[in-house]
Structures are given as structure tokens and as C-alpha cells.
Amino acid sequence: MTINSPVWSVKYKPKTLSEICGREQIKFQLKEYISKKNFPHLLLTGYYGVGKTTIAKCFAKEFLGGSYESNLKTLFADVPISKEERKQAGIRSTFSTGMIGSRAGKRRYIHPFLDIKVKPFIQIRVLGEAPFKILVVKNFEALGQFQQGFRRLMETYGSNCRMILITSKISTIIDPIISRCQILFIPPVEFKDYSDFIKGVSKKEDININEPALKILYKYSEGQLNKAINILQLSAMLSTNINSEVLYEVINSTKDKKIKELLKLILKSDFSAVRAQLRAIRREFNYSAQEVYKKLLDEIFILPLSKSIKIQYINYIAEADFKSIDGLDPDIQLSNLVSKLCFLFEKI
């Protein structure tokens, strides 16, 4: 199914589970849940950009049917809480009266995300004939220590609302959450399914892409269909017959252009401009923190710098990458990284 949009990645975005490319075993299991009109809390995990959120939304809409608009909500755990929301959460905080010792009389806070965004939705009863509501929480690992609070909400309101939690870092999810969920690992799209999908898009758009170009596109996009379709559309602007040469021309013209501009700002030690450019890059290209680290690492080897400076540069990236994998806020780690790099080049 397609919609009328000039952007191919939007035009060919799946609307049902059947339209999801590949992952047949996952689709079979989810369709079983739909047929039984029941499912446990789900924890979807897999590589960044593999399609976890798309699969979750397609499943939730099919499960809820015509009543999905009032019974489905999607939240992003890593979106910063506004000042007003923090204020409201502070107003609702209470003093502990049942504690003794050092915790007696201390103010008990509820994370604003849980109190302002999650609770109002899951507390309201189901509207229509759906068996229960569905809450999709993307980037769930961003809750950190407040996952315990979310676990209590799962226990209290589980009969009224099922949770679909999405994360790329399952190692950061606490055991009580994992034990209460059915874990579904979303694998990357296999090349055959990927190839069939891209050929289908190409046929509908009256373009041709040969097999060598398909393999290059699969490798460069790392199996991410959204990324592949964007490159395919850019290639189609150059030629309706897409081969390796056309594909390389497009990739080289767009690949890391913004990262190179970011690196130039780092070399000038302009931290404010660097951070603004970094956030613009992540917003425009939907890069994960790990993708930014990798691209910055690739660029360092072509810079005419001393060995000691390159080693320090690499150490900073490795440290930031390690902390991000450990579940710490990626935006903070990226800002910390570029501040160190700016200071490093300021001394040169």
C-alpha cells in the first residue's frame, strides 16, 4: 500500500504487518496475538534503524482495529521534559509517611515522564470494544533508574493497558522489566527480501537497478530500508538506469558532507556552533550516537595531524562510545565529546 507523497520513504512506509519487508517469523507471532485478541507486554529489541517502531505501530493498529486512535499512544522516553512538566511533577510529589529511619519524611518524586505522560493515558479506561489500550514507548532505556517506577505502573495498570517497549540497548533494561515482557528480537532484513522490496519500488517508479548496485546499496544502508529508499530516490534524479557508478556518485556526494562541516567547526574550536551543527545532523539524518562516532573516527585518518593528536582524538571517541553503550544519555555524551575535541584543537 502506498500514499501520495513525493518522498519515497514516506510513500512506501508499511501500514500493515503484511507490508513489512521480511521478518516472517516475527510477523507470524504478532498475527497470532491479533487472532487471539490478547498479548503480554512486549519488549522489541534490535539494531538501530531495523524497523522496530514501524513493526510495533503496525501491530498495535491492526490489533486495536477501528478504535486504535483513542486507545493507542506512542511516547519517546528520550525526549526532554519541559520546564512546565517538571513543575507539575514537583507539585504532585508527596512526603513519605510510611518510611522509618533516614527515609522518613523525605519528599518522594515521580519522574515527570511517568507522571505527566504515561499515567494519564494508562489510567483512563478503554474506549470502544478493544480488550485493552496499548502504549508504545520508544528508546525505553533512557528512563534509567526510573524503570522501577515504570515497572510498578505495568503491574498496576497491566489489565487496562499493554506496553510495547522499544530499545536498541537491551543490556540497560532492568531484570524486573525483562521478566514481565515477551522479548522479540527484530533481525535485519535478509538480502533476498531486501532485493525484492527495492525492485518492487523501482518498478513502480519506472527505474531500473542492476544486481551489483543492489548489493552495494544493501551494504551501504546496512539493511535499513528507509535509508536505502532515500538513496534510491536521489539516484533516480540522475538516471533511470541505476548502476554502481550512479550509486557511488550519489553516495559520495552526500556521504559525510555534514560530518566534514562539523569537523571543520571542531578544528576552529567553536563549541556553540559545533553543538548546533551536531544536533541538526542528528535531526536531519536520524543518526544514532554510534553512527556519529564512527563517522568522526573515519574522518580523523585523513586529517594531516600528528600521531599523538590522532591517538587522543580516538581515545575521546572510544570513551564516549563506551559510556553511550552503558546506557548513559547519548546527547550528553556527544556534547561532552565535541567539547573535549574543541579544547584539544584549541591547544594546537
Foldseek 3Di string as FASTA:
>chain_A
DADDDPQVLNRQQDQALVSDFDPVVVSVVLVVCLVVLHDFAAEEEEAPLQCRVSNVNNSQCSSQDPQQVLQEDEEELQDDDDPVLVVVQVVPWDFDPPDDDPRHRDTDTQPSCCVPPNVVNLVDARPDDRQAGEYEYEQVLLCQPNLVVVLVVCVPRVRHYHYYYYHHQVVSHDPSVVVRHDYDYRYARDLVSLVVVVVVSLVVVQAAEDDQLSVVLCVVVVRNNSVSSNLVVVLVVVDSYDYPVSSVVSCVVPPCPLVVVLVVVLLVLVLVVNLVSVVVCCVVVVDDLVRSLVSNLVVLVPDPDDPVLNVVLNVLSVVLVVVVSNSPNNSVSVSVSSNVSSVSSVVD
